[in-house]
Amino acid sequence: MSQKQRLEEYLNVMGRINPLQAWSELGIYRLSARINELRGTMKIETKTIEVENQFGEKCRVACYVVVK
């Protein structure tokens, strides 16, 4: 199964993903590239969320949400 296929399946079930989830759960490092590939077949919005990094610092990352 390709990264694109794994991501599409994940989004169909979960409805959203951020880069940290993509890396840890799907092994996808360049999430934005895979999202760009899917935008031709799925409507996906980009939102910004705040997460905590491994040092306890707050960081802002993209969160990709499927619009149904």
Protein backbone atom coordinates (compact mmCIF):
# COMPACT_ATOMS: atom_id res chain seq x y z
CA MET A 1 0.00 0.00 0.00
CA SER A 2 1.37 3.43 -0.91
CA GLN A 3 1.57 6.41 1.46
CA LYS A 4 -1.18 8.09 -0.52
CA GLN A 5 -3.45 5.07 -0.11
CA ARG A 6 -2.71 4.79 3.63
CA LEU A 7 -3.43 8.49 4.08
CA GLU A 8 -6.67 8.37 2.11
CA GLU A 9 -7.90 5.41 4.17
CA TYR A 10 -6.92 7.16 7.42
CA LEU A 11 -8.72 10.38 6.44
CA ASN A 12 -11.86 8.48 5.44
CA VAL A 13 -11.99 6.95 8.93
CA MET A 14 -10.60 9.73 11.16
CA GLY A 15 -11.48 12.85 9.16
CA ARG A 16 -8.33 14.79 10.10
CA ILE A 17 -4.58 14.45 10.51
CA ASN A 18 -1.57 16.52 11.53
CA PRO A 19 2.12 15.96 10.71
CA LEU A 20 2.88 14.35 14.07
CA GLN A 21 0.14 11.76 13.59
CA ALA A 22 1.18 11.16 9.98
CA TRP A 23 4.76 10.41 11.02
CA SER A 24 3.99 8.24 14.06
CA GLU A 25 0.93 6.37 12.74
CA LEU A 26 1.49 6.19 8.97
CA GLY A 27 5.23 6.68 8.48
CA ILE A 28 4.62 9.73 6.29
CA TYR A 29 7.24 12.44 6.66
CA ARG A 30 6.13 14.85 3.90
CA LEU A 31 2.44 15.01 4.75
CA SER A 32 1.80 18.21 2.78
CA ALA A 33 2.99 16.52 -0.42
CA ARG A 34 0.63 13.58 0.09
CA ILE A 35 -2.25 15.95 0.95
CA ASN A 36 -1.58 17.86 -2.27
CA GLU A 37 -1.92 14.60 -4.22
CA LEU A 38 -5.27 13.86 -2.57
CA ARG A 39 -6.74 17.32 -3.11
CA GLY A 40 -7.70 16.31 -6.65
CA THR A 41 -10.13 13.69 -5.31
CA MET A 42 -10.97 14.92 -1.79
CA LYS A 43 -11.94 18.31 -0.39
CA ILE A 44 -9.39 19.00 2.35
CA GLU A 45 -9.06 22.20 4.38
CA THR A 46 -5.93 23.28 6.23
CA LYS A 47 -6.31 24.56 9.77
CA THR A 48 -3.62 25.57 12.24
CA ILE A 49 -3.52 23.94 15.65
CA GLU A 50 -1.29 24.31 18.68
CA VAL A 51 0.55 21.23 19.98
CA GLU A 52 3.25 20.60 22.54
CA ASN A 53 6.65 19.38 21.37
CA GLN A 54 8.91 16.93 23.22
CA PHE A 55 10.36 19.79 25.27
CA GLY A 56 6.95 20.97 26.48
CA GLU A 57 6.98 24.00 24.19
CA LYS A 58 3.87 25.06 22.33
CA CYS A 59 4.14 24.92 18.53
CA ARG A 60 1.72 25.61 15.72
CA VAL A 61 1.28 22.94 13.03
CA ALA A 62 -1.07 22.31 10.13
CA CYS A 63 -4.08 20.08 10.64
CA TYR A 64 -5.73 18.74 7.48
CA VAL A 65 -9.49 18.22 7.74
CA VAL A 66 -11.74 16.43 5.25
CA VAL A 67 -14.79 18.48 4.30
CA LYS A 68 -17.80 16.26 3.71
